[in-house]
Amino acid sequence: MARERNVVLYPRVEIFSDPERQHPIEDGWALILETTSPGGAVVERRIFPTTQSHFEVGKEVAWEWNGAKVWGAAWYRDPENGTLEPAWSSAAEFVGRHLDEI
């Protein structure tokens, strides 16, 4: 059965509560995943908030969330091109375990 795959690209990206990057968010960071659709037709990058420090580049992760921790709007600097980007307007914390550890 084909399924979506989520692989860690950037495990710990600094996030800010304002688009000017004057106010860093101290209690977490962004996780950037590369998501491949079932069958591999579509590949996209996704960004989620987390407080977890176990993520490793190149590892596939489970689709798991902590609904008790919800984040407000945040911005980040894209690690590939340096542009300032909106991360999310509101999001639950991503906590997915590495698939090879489940």
N, C-alpha and C. Protein backbone atom coordinates (compact mmCIF):
# COMPACT_ATOMS: atom_id res chain seq x y z
N MET A 1 0.84 -1.18 0.00
CA MET A 1 0.00 0.00 0.00
C MET A 1 0.89 1.25 0.00
N ALA A 2 0.68 2.11 -0.96
CA ALA A 2 1.43 3.37 -1.04
C ALA A 2 0.97 4.31 0.06
N ARG A 3 1.91 5.05 0.64
CA ARG A 3 1.57 6.00 1.69
C ARG A 3 2.46 7.23 1.58
N GLU A 4 2.00 8.30 2.17
CA GLU A 4 2.78 9.53 2.24
C GLU A 4 4.03 9.29 3.08
N ARG A 5 5.14 9.90 2.69
CA ARG A 5 6.39 9.80 3.44
C ARG A 5 6.79 11.19 3.91
N ASN A 6 7.24 11.31 5.16
CA ASN A 6 7.68 12.57 5.73
C ASN A 6 9.10 12.39 6.26
N VAL A 7 10.05 13.11 5.65
CA VAL A 7 11.46 12.97 5.98
C VAL A 7 11.98 14.31 6.49
N VAL A 8 12.78 14.27 7.56
CA VAL A 8 13.33 15.48 8.17
C VAL A 8 14.36 16.12 7.24
N LEU A 9 14.14 17.42 6.92
CA LEU A 9 15.10 18.20 6.15
C LEU A 9 15.92 19.09 7.09
N TYR A 10 15.23 19.85 7.92
CA TYR A 10 15.87 20.77 8.86
C TYR A 10 15.20 20.58 10.22
N PRO A 11 15.91 20.05 11.20
CA PRO A 11 15.29 19.69 12.47
C PRO A 11 15.12 20.83 13.47
N ARG A 12 15.84 21.92 13.31
CA ARG A 12 15.80 22.95 14.36
C ARG A 12 16.01 24.33 13.76
N VAL A 13 14.94 24.93 13.26
CA VAL A 13 15.01 26.24 12.62
C VAL A 13 14.44 27.29 13.58
N GLU A 14 15.19 28.36 13.79
CA GLU A 14 14.74 29.42 14.70
C GLU A 14 13.46 30.06 14.18
N ILE A 15 12.53 30.37 15.10
CA ILE A 15 11.26 31.00 14.74
C ILE A 15 11.08 32.29 15.54
N PHE A 16 10.24 33.18 14.99
CA PHE A 16 10.00 34.49 15.57
C PHE A 16 8.50 34.76 15.64
N SER A 17 8.11 35.57 16.61
CA SER A 17 6.69 35.90 16.77
C SER A 17 6.28 37.11 15.96
N ASP A 18 7.23 37.71 15.23
CA ASP A 18 6.94 38.88 14.41
C ASP A 18 7.71 38.80 13.09
N PRO A 19 7.17 39.38 12.03
CA PRO A 19 7.82 39.27 10.72
C PRO A 19 9.14 40.05 10.63
N GLU A 20 9.41 40.95 11.56
CA GLU A 20 10.66 41.70 11.56
C GLU A 20 11.79 40.95 12.25
N ARG A 21 11.48 39.79 12.86
CA ARG A 21 12.44 38.96 13.58
C ARG A 21 13.04 39.68 14.79
N GLN A 22 12.23 40.48 15.44
CA GLN A 22 12.68 41.18 16.65
C GLN A 22 12.44 40.36 17.91
N HIS A 23 11.51 39.39 17.84
CA HIS A 23 11.11 38.62 19.01
C HIS A 23 11.21 37.11 18.75
N PRO A 24 12.38 36.54 19.06
CA PRO A 24 12.52 35.08 18.89
C PRO A 24 11.59 34.33 19.84
N ILE A 25 11.11 33.20 19.38
CA ILE A 25 10.31 32.32 20.23
C ILE A 25 11.29 31.38 20.92
N GLU A 26 11.36 31.49 22.23
CA GLU A 26 12.39 30.80 23.01
C GLU A 26 12.05 29.34 23.36
N ASP A 27 10.77 28.98 23.39
CA ASP A 27 10.40 27.66 23.90
C ASP A 27 10.14 26.61 22.82
N GLY A 28 10.70 26.82 21.63
CA GLY A 28 10.53 25.86 20.56
C GLY A 28 11.17 26.35 19.28
N TRP A 29 11.01 25.61 18.22
CA TRP A 29 11.59 25.94 16.92
C TRP A 29 10.74 25.28 15.85
N ALA A 30 11.15 25.49 14.61
CA ALA A 30 10.44 24.89 13.48
C ALA A 30 11.17 23.64 13.02
N LEU A 31 10.39 22.70 12.54
CA LEU A 31 10.87 21.47 11.92
C LEU A 31 10.41 21.52 10.47
N ILE A 32 11.33 21.35 9.53
CA ILE A 32 10.95 21.34 8.12
C ILE A 32 11.05 19.91 7.60
N LEU A 33 9.94 19.43 7.05
CA LEU A 33 9.86 18.08 6.50
C LEU A 33 9.74 18.13 4.98
N GLU A 34 10.25 17.11 4.32
CA GLU A 34 9.98 16.90 2.91
C GLU A 34 8.94 15.80 2.84
N THR A 35 7.79 16.12 2.28
CA THR A 35 6.69 15.16 2.18
C THR A 35 6.55 14.70 0.74
N THR A 36 6.52 13.38 0.57
CA THR A 36 6.33 12.78 -0.74
C THR A 36 4.99 12.08 -0.74
N SER A 37 4.16 12.39 -1.72
CA SER A 37 2.83 11.80 -1.80
C SER A 37 2.91 10.31 -2.13
N PRO A 38 1.83 9.57 -1.86
CA PRO A 38 1.82 8.15 -2.24
C PRO A 38 2.13 8.01 -3.73
N GLY A 39 3.03 7.15 -4.06
CA GLY A 39 3.42 6.96 -5.45
C GLY A 39 4.52 7.90 -5.90
N GLY A 40 4.87 8.92 -5.08
CA GLY A 40 5.98 9.82 -5.37
C GLY A 40 5.72 10.92 -6.36
N ALA A 41 4.47 11.15 -6.73
CA ALA A 41 4.16 12.15 -7.76
C ALA A 41 4.39 13.59 -7.28
N VAL A 42 4.15 13.87 -6.01
CA VAL A 42 4.26 15.22 -5.49
C VAL A 42 5.22 15.24 -4.30
N VAL A 43 6.18 16.16 -4.34
CA VAL A 43 7.10 16.37 -3.23
C VAL A 43 6.96 17.82 -2.81
N GLU A 44 6.77 18.03 -1.50
CA GLU A 44 6.65 19.40 -0.99
C GLU A 44 7.33 19.52 0.35
N ARG A 45 7.63 20.77 0.71
CA ARG A 45 8.19 21.05 2.03
C ARG A 45 7.07 21.51 2.94
N ARG A 46 7.10 21.06 4.20
CA ARG A 46 6.13 21.47 5.21
C ARG A 46 6.90 21.91 6.45
N ILE A 47 6.35 22.87 7.16
CA ILE A 47 7.00 23.38 8.36
C ILE A 47 6.02 23.33 9.53
N PHE A 48 6.52 22.85 10.67
CA PHE A 48 5.68 22.69 11.86
C PHE A 48 6.45 23.09 13.11
N PRO A 49 5.73 23.55 14.15
CA PRO A 49 6.39 23.87 15.41
C PRO A 49 6.66 22.60 16.22
N THR A 50 7.73 22.66 17.03
CA THR A 50 8.04 21.53 17.91
C THR A 50 8.91 21.99 19.06
N THR A 51 8.90 21.21 20.12
CA THR A 51 9.84 21.38 21.23
C THR A 51 10.75 20.16 21.31
N GLN A 52 10.54 19.20 20.44
CA GLN A 52 11.27 17.94 20.45
C GLN A 52 12.67 18.12 19.85
N SER A 53 13.66 17.45 20.42
CA SER A 53 15.04 17.60 19.94
C SER A 53 15.59 16.30 19.34
N HIS A 54 14.75 15.30 19.15
CA HIS A 54 15.21 14.00 18.66
C HIS A 54 15.32 13.90 17.14
N PHE A 55 14.82 14.87 16.40
CA PHE A 55 14.77 14.76 14.94
C PHE A 55 16.16 14.78 14.32
N GLU A 56 16.37 13.90 13.32
CA GLU A 56 17.64 13.81 12.62
C GLU A 56 17.41 13.95 11.12
N VAL A 57 18.27 14.71 10.46
CA VAL A 57 18.18 14.92 9.02
C VAL A 57 18.17 13.58 8.30
N GLY A 58 17.24 13.44 7.34
CA GLY A 58 17.15 12.25 6.52
C GLY A 58 16.31 11.12 7.10
N LYS A 59 15.86 11.27 8.35
CA LYS A 59 15.04 10.22 8.97
C LYS A 59 13.57 10.43 8.64
N GLU A 60 12.88 9.34 8.34
CA GLU A 60 11.44 9.38 8.11
C GLU A 60 10.73 9.37 9.46
N VAL A 61 9.68 10.19 9.58
CA VAL A 61 8.98 10.34 10.85
C VAL A 61 7.51 9.97 10.73
N ALA A 62 6.95 9.54 11.87
CA ALA A 62 5.53 9.23 11.96
C ALA A 62 4.74 10.53 12.04
N TRP A 63 3.49 10.47 11.66
CA TRP A 63 2.59 11.62 11.66
C TRP A 63 1.92 11.70 13.03
N GLU A 64 2.62 12.30 14.02
CA GLU A 64 2.15 12.34 15.40
C GLU A 64 2.18 13.77 15.93
N TRP A 65 1.18 14.09 16.75
CA TRP A 65 0.97 15.47 17.20
C TRP A 65 0.71 15.54 18.69
N ASN A 66 1.04 16.68 19.28
CA ASN A 66 0.67 17.01 20.65
C ASN A 66 -0.37 18.11 20.56
N GLY A 67 -1.65 17.75 20.62
CA GLY A 67 -2.73 18.72 20.50
C GLY A 67 -2.87 19.64 21.71
N ALA A 68 -2.19 19.32 22.79
CA ALA A 68 -2.24 20.17 23.99
C ALA A 68 -1.36 21.41 23.84
N LYS A 69 -0.40 21.38 22.91
CA LYS A 69 0.50 22.51 22.69
C LYS A 69 0.17 23.12 21.33
N VAL A 70 -0.43 24.31 21.34
CA VAL A 70 -0.79 24.99 20.09
C VAL A 70 -0.03 26.31 20.02
N TRP A 71 0.53 26.58 18.88
CA TRP A 71 1.36 27.76 18.66
C TRP A 71 0.60 28.80 17.84
N GLY A 72 0.83 30.06 18.16
CA GLY A 72 0.29 31.16 17.37
C GLY A 72 1.17 31.42 16.16
N ALA A 73 0.90 32.50 15.48
CA ALA A 73 1.62 32.86 14.25
C ALA A 73 3.13 32.95 14.48
N ALA A 74 3.89 32.50 13.48
CA ALA A 74 5.35 32.53 13.56
C ALA A 74 5.96 32.74 12.18
N TRP A 75 7.20 33.23 12.17
CA TRP A 75 7.97 33.44 10.95
C TRP A 75 9.33 32.78 11.12
N TYR A 76 9.99 32.48 10.00
CA TYR A 76 11.31 31.85 10.03
C TYR A 76 12.12 32.31 8.84
N ARG A 77 13.44 32.14 8.94
CA ARG A 77 14.32 32.41 7.81
C ARG A 77 14.56 31.09 7.10
N ASP A 78 14.22 31.04 5.81
CA ASP A 78 14.39 29.82 5.03
C ASP A 78 15.87 29.44 5.03
N PRO A 79 16.21 28.22 5.48
CA PRO A 79 17.61 27.82 5.56
C PRO A 79 18.28 27.62 4.20
N GLU A 80 17.51 27.56 3.14
CA GLU A 80 18.11 27.36 1.81
C GLU A 80 18.36 28.66 1.07
N ASN A 81 17.45 29.63 1.19
CA ASN A 81 17.63 30.86 0.41
C ASN A 81 17.69 32.12 1.26
N GLY A 82 17.52 31.99 2.58
CA GLY A 82 17.67 33.13 3.48
C GLY A 82 16.51 34.09 3.54
N THR A 83 15.44 33.82 2.81
CA THR A 83 14.30 34.73 2.84
C THR A 83 13.48 34.54 4.11
N LEU A 84 12.88 35.63 4.56
CA LEU A 84 12.00 35.56 5.72
C LEU A 84 10.63 35.12 5.24
N GLU A 85 10.08 34.09 5.87
CA GLU A 85 8.83 33.49 5.43
C GLU A 85 7.87 33.31 6.60
N PRO A 86 6.55 33.39 6.34
CA PRO A 86 5.61 33.00 7.38
C PRO A 86 5.69 31.48 7.56
N ALA A 87 5.68 31.03 8.81
CA ALA A 87 5.75 29.59 9.08
C ALA A 87 4.35 29.00 9.14
N TRP A 88 3.48 29.57 9.99
CA TRP A 88 2.10 29.12 10.18
C TRP A 88 1.34 30.23 10.86
N SER A 89 0.03 30.20 10.77
CA SER A 89 -0.81 31.17 11.49
C SER A 89 -1.23 30.58 12.84
N SER A 90 -1.38 29.28 12.88
CA SER A 90 -1.69 28.54 14.10
C SER A 90 -1.40 27.08 13.81
N ALA A 91 -0.79 26.38 14.77
CA ALA A 91 -0.46 24.97 14.53
C ALA A 91 -0.24 24.24 15.84
N ALA A 92 -0.63 22.97 15.87
CA ALA A 92 -0.32 22.10 17.00
C ALA A 92 1.14 21.66 16.89
N GLU A 93 1.70 21.19 17.98
CA GLU A 93 3.09 20.76 18.00
C GLU A 93 3.27 19.40 17.32
N PHE A 94 4.24 19.33 16.41
CA PHE A 94 4.59 18.07 15.76
C PHE A 94 5.57 17.32 16.67
N VAL A 95 5.29 16.03 16.91
CA VAL A 95 6.13 15.23 17.81
C VAL A 95 6.54 13.88 17.22
N GLY A 96 6.33 13.69 15.93
CA GLY A 96 6.53 12.39 15.28
C GLY A 96 7.83 11.69 15.62
N ARG A 97 7.74 10.41 15.93
CA ARG A 97 8.92 9.59 16.19
C ARG A 97 9.53 9.12 14.87
N HIS A 98 10.83 8.83 14.89
CA HIS A 98 11.47 8.24 13.71
C HIS A 98 10.85 6.87 13.47
N LEU A 99 10.49 6.59 12.24
CA LEU A 99 9.85 5.31 11.93
C LEU A 99 10.70 4.11 12.27
N ASP A 100 12.02 4.25 12.17
CA ASP A 100 12.88 3.10 12.47
C ASP A 100 12.97 2.83 13.97
N GLU A 101 12.32 3.64 14.80
CA GLU A 101 12.32 3.45 16.26
C GLU A 101 10.96 2.99 16.79
N ILE A 102 10.02 2.82 15.89
CA ILE A 102 8.68 2.42 16.31
C ILE A 102 8.54 0.91 16.23
